[in-house]
Amino acid sequence: MCKRRPSEARASAGAEAGFTLIEVLIALAVVAVCISAIGALMGTNIRAVHQIDQRLVAVSTLRKVETALPERSKLVAADLAGDASGGTWSVSASPFIDPSPPIAGKEPPSWVPEAIAIKVRSPSGSLVEVETLRLVPRTDK
C-alpha cells in the first residue's frame, strides 16, 4: 500500500475542487431564464390588475348612473349622455316592442315595459353595458 503525504493529498484535491467556466456559465443562463420568466409573469399580473381596476371603475360609474336615472314620468324615449370618472356614459330609453298579439276581449294593462340600455366607456376604451326593462304608465288610454 502506498500512502500519500498530507501535503500531496491537499495539492491534488485543490486542483480538482471548484467549478469550470462552462458550468458557471450554464448556471448563470438557467438563473437568467428563471428571472425572465418571473418578470414576464409579473408583467402579466400587473396588466390584469390594471384591467380589473378599470372594470371596477366602469361598473361603479354604471351603478351611479343607474341609481340617478330620472323617475318614470320624466325619462322619455330619448338618449341621455355625460362624463363621469374620466369615462363617458349614455342611457337610451325606447319602447319595448312586444311581438305577441294582444289578448282578445281583455283590456290592455295600465303599465307598459320600456327598454333601458346603459353604456359606460372607460378612458381605456373598454365598454360595460346593461340592458333592462322598466315599467311606465300607459299614455294611450
N, C-alpha and C. Protein backbone atom coordinates (compact mmCIF):
# COMPACT_ATOMS: atom_id res chain seq x y z
N MET A 1 0.82 -1.18 0.00
CA MET A 1 0.00 0.00 0.00
C MET A 1 0.86 1.24 0.00
N CYS A 2 0.43 2.12 -0.76
CA CYS A 2 1.17 3.36 -0.89
C CYS A 2 0.41 4.46 -0.18
N LYS A 3 1.07 5.11 0.71
CA LYS A 3 0.43 6.22 1.42
C LYS A 3 0.92 7.52 0.86
N ARG A 4 -0.02 8.46 0.75
CA ARG A 4 0.35 9.81 0.30
C ARG A 4 0.62 10.65 1.52
N ARG A 5 1.41 11.59 1.29
CA ARG A 5 1.65 12.54 2.36
C ARG A 5 0.51 13.52 2.40
N PRO A 6 0.16 14.09 3.56
CA PRO A 6 -0.96 15.03 3.67
C PRO A 6 -0.80 16.24 2.75
N SER A 7 0.38 16.72 2.54
CA SER A 7 0.56 17.89 1.67
C SER A 7 0.26 17.54 0.22
N GLU A 8 0.57 16.32 -0.23
CA GLU A 8 0.25 15.90 -1.60
C GLU A 8 -1.25 15.71 -1.78
N ALA A 9 -1.93 15.19 -0.75
CA ALA A 9 -3.38 14.99 -0.83
C ALA A 9 -4.10 16.33 -0.97
N ARG A 10 -3.63 17.33 -0.22
CA ARG A 10 -4.24 18.65 -0.33
C ARG A 10 -3.97 19.27 -1.69
N ALA A 11 -2.85 19.10 -2.25
CA ALA A 11 -2.49 19.68 -3.54
C ALA A 11 -3.33 19.07 -4.66
N SER A 12 -3.50 17.74 -4.63
CA SER A 12 -4.28 17.12 -5.69
C SER A 12 -5.77 17.42 -5.53
N ALA A 13 -6.29 17.54 -4.32
CA ALA A 13 -7.70 17.89 -4.09
C ALA A 13 -7.97 19.33 -4.51
N GLY A 14 -7.06 20.23 -4.30
CA GLY A 14 -7.23 21.63 -4.67
C GLY A 14 -7.28 21.81 -6.17
N ALA A 15 -6.58 20.99 -6.89
CA ALA A 15 -6.57 21.09 -8.34
C ALA A 15 -7.90 20.64 -8.93
N GLU A 16 -8.60 19.72 -8.26
CA GLU A 16 -9.86 19.20 -8.77
C GLU A 16 -11.08 19.90 -8.18
N ALA A 17 -10.93 20.69 -7.14
CA ALA A 17 -12.07 21.34 -6.49
C ALA A 17 -12.52 22.56 -7.30
N GLY A 18 -13.86 22.93 -7.14
CA GLY A 18 -14.40 24.12 -7.80
C GLY A 18 -15.16 23.78 -9.06
N PHE A 19 -15.62 24.84 -9.75
CA PHE A 19 -16.42 24.69 -10.96
C PHE A 19 -15.61 25.16 -12.16
N THR A 20 -15.94 24.59 -13.29
CA THR A 20 -15.28 25.06 -14.51
C THR A 20 -16.04 26.28 -15.02
N LEU A 21 -15.48 26.97 -15.95
CA LEU A 21 -16.10 28.17 -16.51
C LEU A 21 -17.40 27.81 -17.23
N ILE A 22 -17.45 26.69 -17.92
CA ILE A 22 -18.67 26.26 -18.62
C ILE A 22 -19.79 26.00 -17.62
N GLU A 23 -19.50 25.36 -16.52
CA GLU A 23 -20.52 25.08 -15.50
C GLU A 23 -21.09 26.37 -14.92
N VAL A 24 -20.25 27.33 -14.67
CA VAL A 24 -20.69 28.63 -14.14
C VAL A 24 -21.58 29.34 -15.16
N LEU A 25 -21.20 29.33 -16.45
CA LEU A 25 -21.99 29.99 -17.48
C LEU A 25 -23.36 29.32 -17.65
N ILE A 26 -23.41 28.00 -17.57
CA ILE A 26 -24.68 27.29 -17.67
C ILE A 26 -25.57 27.64 -16.48
N ALA A 27 -25.01 27.70 -15.30
CA ALA A 27 -25.78 28.07 -14.10
C ALA A 27 -26.34 29.48 -14.24
N LEU A 28 -25.53 30.41 -14.74
CA LEU A 28 -26.00 31.78 -14.94
C LEU A 28 -27.10 31.84 -15.99
N ALA A 29 -27.00 31.04 -17.04
CA ALA A 29 -28.04 31.02 -18.08
C ALA A 29 -29.36 30.49 -17.51
N VAL A 30 -29.30 29.48 -16.68
CA VAL A 30 -30.52 28.94 -16.04
C VAL A 30 -31.15 29.98 -15.14
N VAL A 31 -30.33 30.67 -14.36
CA VAL A 31 -30.84 31.73 -13.48
C VAL A 31 -31.46 32.86 -14.31
N ALA A 32 -30.85 33.24 -15.42
CA ALA A 32 -31.39 34.31 -16.27
C ALA A 32 -32.74 33.91 -16.86
N VAL A 33 -32.88 32.66 -17.30
CA VAL A 33 -34.15 32.20 -17.85
C VAL A 33 -35.23 32.24 -16.78
N CYS A 34 -34.91 31.80 -15.58
CA CYS A 34 -35.88 31.82 -14.47
C CYS A 34 -36.30 33.24 -14.13
N ILE A 35 -35.37 34.14 -14.07
CA ILE A 35 -35.69 35.54 -13.74
C ILE A 35 -36.54 36.17 -14.84
N SER A 36 -36.23 35.88 -16.11
CA SER A 36 -37.04 36.46 -17.19
C SER A 36 -38.45 35.88 -17.17
N ALA A 37 -38.62 34.61 -16.83
CA ALA A 37 -39.97 34.02 -16.72
C ALA A 37 -40.75 34.66 -15.59
N ILE A 38 -40.11 34.89 -14.48
CA ILE A 38 -40.77 35.56 -13.35
C ILE A 38 -41.14 36.99 -13.73
N GLY A 39 -40.28 37.68 -14.45
CA GLY A 39 -40.58 39.05 -14.90
C GLY A 39 -41.78 39.09 -15.84
N ALA A 40 -41.85 38.14 -16.76
CA ALA A 40 -42.99 38.09 -17.68
C ALA A 40 -44.28 37.82 -16.92
N LEU A 41 -44.24 36.94 -15.95
CA LEU A 41 -45.41 36.64 -15.13
C LEU A 41 -45.85 37.86 -14.33
N MET A 42 -44.91 38.58 -13.79
CA MET A 42 -45.25 39.80 -13.04
C MET A 42 -45.87 40.85 -13.95
N GLY A 43 -45.35 41.00 -15.16
CA GLY A 43 -45.93 41.95 -16.12
C GLY A 43 -47.36 41.60 -16.47
N THR A 44 -47.62 40.31 -16.68
CA THR A 44 -48.99 39.87 -16.97
C THR A 44 -49.91 40.16 -15.80
N ASN A 45 -49.44 39.90 -14.59
CA ASN A 45 -50.25 40.17 -13.39
C ASN A 45 -50.54 41.65 -13.23
N ILE A 46 -49.58 42.49 -13.51
CA ILE A 46 -49.78 43.93 -13.37
C ILE A 46 -50.82 44.42 -14.38
N ARG A 47 -50.74 43.92 -15.63
CA ARG A 47 -51.74 44.30 -16.64
C ARG A 47 -53.14 43.83 -16.24
N ALA A 48 -53.23 42.62 -15.71
CA ALA A 48 -54.53 42.09 -15.30
C ALA A 48 -55.13 42.91 -14.16
N VAL A 49 -54.31 43.30 -13.20
CA VAL A 49 -54.80 44.13 -12.09
C VAL A 49 -55.27 45.47 -12.61
N HIS A 50 -54.56 46.05 -13.57
CA HIS A 50 -54.95 47.33 -14.16
C HIS A 50 -56.30 47.21 -14.87
N GLN A 51 -56.50 46.13 -15.62
CA GLN A 51 -57.77 45.92 -16.32
C GLN A 51 -58.91 45.72 -15.33
N ILE A 52 -58.67 44.98 -14.27
CA ILE A 52 -59.71 44.78 -13.25
C ILE A 52 -60.07 46.10 -12.59
N ASP A 53 -59.06 46.91 -12.31
CA ASP A 53 -59.31 48.22 -11.70
C ASP A 53 -60.17 49.09 -12.61
N GLN A 54 -59.86 49.11 -13.91
CA GLN A 54 -60.66 49.90 -14.85
C GLN A 54 -62.08 49.37 -14.95
N ARG A 55 -62.24 48.06 -14.91
CA ARG A 55 -63.57 47.46 -14.97
C ARG A 55 -64.38 47.84 -13.73
N LEU A 56 -63.74 47.82 -12.57
CA LEU A 56 -64.45 48.20 -11.34
C LEU A 56 -64.88 49.66 -11.38
N VAL A 57 -64.05 50.53 -11.92
CA VAL A 57 -64.43 51.94 -12.05
C VAL A 57 -65.62 52.08 -12.99
N ALA A 58 -65.60 51.33 -14.11
CA ALA A 58 -66.71 51.40 -15.07
C ALA A 58 -68.00 50.87 -14.46
N VAL A 59 -67.93 49.77 -13.72
CA VAL A 59 -69.13 49.21 -13.08
C VAL A 59 -69.65 50.15 -12.00
N SER A 60 -68.75 50.77 -11.26
CA SER A 60 -69.16 51.73 -10.24
C SER A 60 -69.86 52.93 -10.89
N THR A 61 -69.32 53.42 -11.99
CA THR A 61 -69.95 54.52 -12.72
C THR A 61 -71.32 54.10 -13.24
N LEU A 62 -71.41 52.89 -13.76
CA LEU A 62 -72.68 52.38 -14.26
C LEU A 62 -73.73 52.34 -13.14
N ARG A 63 -73.33 51.90 -11.97
CA ARG A 63 -74.27 51.85 -10.84
C ARG A 63 -74.72 53.25 -10.43
N LYS A 64 -73.79 54.20 -10.46
CA LYS A 64 -74.15 55.58 -10.12
C LYS A 64 -75.15 56.14 -11.12
N VAL A 65 -74.91 55.88 -12.41
CA VAL A 65 -75.82 56.36 -13.45
C VAL A 65 -77.19 55.70 -13.29
N GLU A 66 -77.18 54.42 -13.01
CA GLU A 66 -78.45 53.69 -12.86
C GLU A 66 -79.27 54.21 -11.69
N THR A 67 -78.62 54.49 -10.58
CA THR A 67 -79.36 54.99 -9.42
C THR A 67 -79.81 56.43 -9.61
N ALA A 68 -79.16 57.17 -10.50
CA ALA A 68 -79.52 58.56 -10.72
C ALA A 68 -80.49 58.74 -11.88
N LEU A 69 -81.01 57.64 -12.42
CA LEU A 69 -81.97 57.77 -13.51
C LEU A 69 -83.19 58.56 -13.05
N PRO A 70 -83.75 59.37 -13.93
CA PRO A 70 -84.96 60.11 -13.56
C PRO A 70 -86.12 59.15 -13.29
N GLU A 71 -87.11 59.63 -12.59
CA GLU A 71 -88.27 58.78 -12.32
C GLU A 71 -89.00 58.47 -13.61
N ARG A 72 -89.91 57.53 -13.55
CA ARG A 72 -90.59 57.00 -14.74
C ARG A 72 -91.23 58.09 -15.60
N SER A 73 -91.86 59.03 -14.95
CA SER A 73 -92.60 60.04 -15.73
C SER A 73 -91.67 61.02 -16.44
N LYS A 74 -90.43 61.17 -15.97
CA LYS A 74 -89.52 62.14 -16.56
C LYS A 74 -88.55 61.55 -17.58
N LEU A 75 -88.40 60.21 -17.56
CA LEU A 75 -87.50 59.58 -18.52
C LEU A 75 -88.29 59.25 -19.78
N VAL A 76 -88.09 60.05 -20.78
CA VAL A 76 -88.83 59.87 -22.03
C VAL A 76 -88.00 59.00 -22.97
N ALA A 77 -88.63 58.54 -24.05
CA ALA A 77 -87.92 57.73 -25.03
C ALA A 77 -86.91 58.61 -25.76
N ALA A 78 -85.73 58.68 -25.21
CA ALA A 78 -84.68 59.53 -25.77
C ALA A 78 -83.33 59.03 -25.24
N ASP A 79 -82.29 59.77 -25.54
CA ASP A 79 -80.95 59.42 -25.08
C ASP A 79 -80.43 60.48 -24.13
N LEU A 80 -79.74 60.02 -23.09
CA LEU A 80 -79.03 60.90 -22.17
C LEU A 80 -77.57 60.52 -22.24
N ALA A 81 -76.67 61.46 -22.01
CA ALA A 81 -75.24 61.16 -22.04
C ALA A 81 -74.51 62.12 -21.11
N GLY A 82 -73.30 61.71 -20.71
CA GLY A 82 -72.49 62.56 -19.85
C GLY A 82 -71.12 61.96 -19.62
N ASP A 83 -70.34 62.63 -18.77
CA ASP A 83 -68.99 62.19 -18.40
C ASP A 83 -68.96 61.94 -16.91
N ALA A 84 -68.23 60.91 -16.51
CA ALA A 84 -68.04 60.62 -15.09
C ALA A 84 -66.82 59.72 -14.92
N SER A 85 -66.05 59.97 -13.90
CA SER A 85 -64.87 59.16 -13.56
C SER A 85 -63.90 59.02 -14.73
N GLY A 86 -63.78 60.04 -15.54
CA GLY A 86 -62.86 60.01 -16.67
C GLY A 86 -63.39 59.30 -17.89
N GLY A 87 -64.57 58.71 -17.80
CA GLY A 87 -65.16 58.00 -18.93
C GLY A 87 -66.46 58.65 -19.35
N THR A 88 -67.12 58.04 -20.32
CA THR A 88 -68.40 58.57 -20.79
C THR A 88 -69.50 57.54 -20.53
N TRP A 89 -70.71 58.03 -20.38
CA TRP A 89 -71.86 57.14 -20.20
C TRP A 89 -73.00 57.62 -21.07
N SER A 90 -73.88 56.69 -21.39
CA SER A 90 -75.07 57.04 -22.14
C SER A 90 -76.22 56.14 -21.71
N VAL A 91 -77.41 56.71 -21.72
CA VAL A 91 -78.63 55.98 -21.38
C VAL A 91 -79.60 56.18 -22.52
N SER A 92 -80.10 55.08 -23.05
CA SER A 92 -81.11 55.19 -24.09
C SER A 92 -82.37 54.46 -23.62
N ALA A 93 -83.48 55.11 -23.79
CA ALA A 93 -84.78 54.55 -23.41
C ALA A 93 -85.64 54.48 -24.66
N SER A 94 -86.24 53.33 -24.87
CA SER A 94 -87.10 53.15 -26.04
C SER A 94 -88.24 52.20 -25.67
N PRO A 95 -89.37 52.33 -26.35
CA PRO A 95 -90.47 51.41 -26.04
C PRO A 95 -90.06 49.97 -26.32
N PHE A 96 -90.49 49.08 -25.45
CA PHE A 96 -90.23 47.66 -25.65
C PHE A 96 -91.33 47.10 -26.53
N ILE A 97 -90.95 46.58 -27.65
CA ILE A 97 -91.93 46.06 -28.61
C ILE A 97 -92.24 44.61 -28.25
N ASP A 98 -93.50 44.37 -27.90
CA ASP A 98 -93.94 43.03 -27.55
C ASP A 98 -94.46 42.36 -28.83
N PRO A 99 -93.81 41.31 -29.29
CA PRO A 99 -94.23 40.70 -30.56
C PRO A 99 -95.52 39.87 -30.46
N SER A 100 -95.95 39.57 -29.26
CA SER A 100 -97.16 38.74 -29.13
C SER A 100 -98.40 39.60 -29.37
N PRO A 101 -99.42 39.02 -29.99
CA PRO A 101 -100.66 39.79 -30.26
C PRO A 101 -101.43 40.02 -28.96
N PRO A 102 -102.19 41.12 -28.88
CA PRO A 102 -102.96 41.39 -27.67
C PRO A 102 -104.05 40.32 -27.49
N ILE A 103 -104.40 40.09 -26.25
CA ILE A 103 -105.43 39.11 -25.95
C ILE A 103 -106.79 39.72 -26.26
N ALA A 104 -107.59 38.99 -27.05
CA ALA A 104 -108.90 39.50 -27.49
C ALA A 104 -109.85 39.59 -26.30
N GLY A 105 -110.56 40.69 -26.22
CA GLY A 105 -111.56 40.88 -25.18
C GLY A 105 -110.99 41.29 -23.84
N LYS A 106 -109.70 41.51 -23.74
CA LYS A 106 -109.10 41.91 -22.48
C LYS A 106 -108.52 43.31 -22.62
N GLU A 107 -108.77 44.11 -21.61
CA GLU A 107 -108.27 45.48 -21.62
C GLU A 107 -106.75 45.47 -21.51
N PRO A 108 -106.04 46.32 -22.26
CA PRO A 108 -104.57 46.35 -22.17
C PRO A 108 -104.13 46.80 -20.78
N PRO A 109 -102.98 46.34 -20.32
CA PRO A 109 -102.51 46.72 -18.99
C PRO A 109 -102.24 48.22 -18.89
N SER A 110 -102.30 48.72 -17.67
CA SER A 110 -102.06 50.16 -17.47
C SER A 110 -100.56 50.50 -17.45
N TRP A 111 -99.71 49.48 -17.39
CA TRP A 111 -98.26 49.69 -17.42
C TRP A 111 -97.69 48.99 -18.65
N VAL A 112 -96.73 49.63 -19.28
CA VAL A 112 -96.06 49.03 -20.44
C VAL A 112 -94.55 49.00 -20.19
N PRO A 113 -93.87 47.99 -20.70
CA PRO A 113 -92.42 47.94 -20.49
C PRO A 113 -91.68 48.90 -21.42
N GLU A 114 -90.58 49.40 -20.93
CA GLU A 114 -89.72 50.30 -21.69
C GLU A 114 -88.30 49.75 -21.59
N ALA A 115 -87.61 49.64 -22.70
CA ALA A 115 -86.24 49.12 -22.72
C ALA A 115 -85.27 50.24 -22.34
N ILE A 116 -84.41 49.95 -21.38
CA ILE A 116 -83.38 50.90 -20.94
C ILE A 116 -82.02 50.26 -21.18
N ALA A 117 -81.14 50.97 -21.87
CA ALA A 117 -79.77 50.50 -22.11
C ALA A 117 -78.81 51.54 -21.56
N ILE A 118 -77.95 51.10 -20.64
CA ILE A 118 -76.94 51.98 -20.04
C ILE A 118 -75.57 51.49 -20.49
N LYS A 119 -74.78 52.40 -21.05
CA LYS A 119 -73.43 52.07 -21.52
C LYS A 119 -72.43 53.00 -20.85
N VAL A 120 -71.33 52.41 -20.37
CA VAL A 120 -70.24 53.20 -19.79
C VAL A 120 -68.96 52.79 -20.49
N ARG A 121 -68.26 53.78 -21.03
CA ARG A 121 -66.97 53.54 -21.68
C ARG A 121 -65.87 54.15 -20.82
N SER A 122 -64.91 53.32 -20.43
CA SER A 122 -63.81 53.79 -19.58
C SER A 122 -62.81 54.57 -20.42
N PRO A 123 -61.89 55.30 -19.78
CA PRO A 123 -60.89 56.05 -20.55
C PRO A 123 -60.03 55.16 -21.44
N SER A 124 -59.85 53.88 -21.07
CA SER A 124 -59.04 52.98 -21.90
C SER A 124 -59.81 52.45 -23.10
N GLY A 125 -61.13 52.66 -23.12
CA GLY A 125 -61.93 52.21 -24.25
C GLY A 125 -62.79 51.00 -23.99
N SER A 126 -62.64 50.36 -22.83
CA SER A 126 -63.48 49.19 -22.54
C SER A 126 -64.92 49.64 -22.28
N LEU A 127 -65.86 48.78 -22.60
CA LEU A 127 -67.27 49.12 -22.54
C LEU A 127 -68.00 48.17 -21.60
N VAL A 128 -68.83 48.73 -20.73
CA VAL A 128 -69.71 47.96 -19.86
C VAL A 128 -71.13 48.39 -20.21
N GLU A 129 -71.99 47.41 -20.45
CA GLU A 129 -73.34 47.73 -20.89
C GLU A 129 -74.35 46.90 -20.10
N VAL A 130 -75.46 47.53 -19.73
CA VAL A 130 -76.56 46.86 -19.05
C VAL A 130 -77.85 47.20 -19.80
N GLU A 131 -78.62 46.17 -20.08
CA GLU A 131 -79.93 46.37 -20.70
C GLU A 131 -80.97 45.84 -19.74
N THR A 132 -82.01 46.61 -19.50
CA THR A 132 -83.05 46.21 -18.57
C THR A 132 -84.40 46.74 -19.06
N LEU A 133 -85.43 46.36 -18.37
CA LEU A 133 -86.77 46.85 -18.67
C LEU A 133 -87.27 47.65 -17.49
N ARG A 134 -88.10 48.64 -17.79
CA ARG A 134 -88.70 49.48 -16.76
C ARG A 134 -90.17 49.64 -17.11
N LEU A 135 -91.03 49.53 -16.13
CA LEU A 135 -92.45 49.72 -16.38
C LEU A 135 -92.82 51.19 -16.28
N VAL A 136 -93.55 51.65 -17.28
CA VAL A 136 -94.01 53.05 -17.30
C VAL A 136 -95.53 53.05 -17.49
N PRO A 137 -96.20 54.07 -17.01
CA PRO A 137 -97.65 54.12 -17.19
C PRO A 137 -98.02 54.25 -18.67
N ARG A 138 -99.07 53.59 -19.05
CA ARG A 138 -99.54 53.66 -20.43
C ARG A 138 -100.08 55.07 -20.68
N THR A 139 -99.72 55.67 -21.81
CA THR A 139 -100.16 57.02 -22.13
C THR A 139 -101.29 57.04 -23.16
N ASP A 140 -101.52 55.95 -23.86
CA ASP A 140 -102.53 55.94 -24.93
C ASP A 140 -103.83 55.27 -24.47
N LYS A 141 -104.37 55.73 -23.36
CA LYS A 141 -105.60 55.14 -22.82
C LYS A 141 -106.81 55.68 -23.52
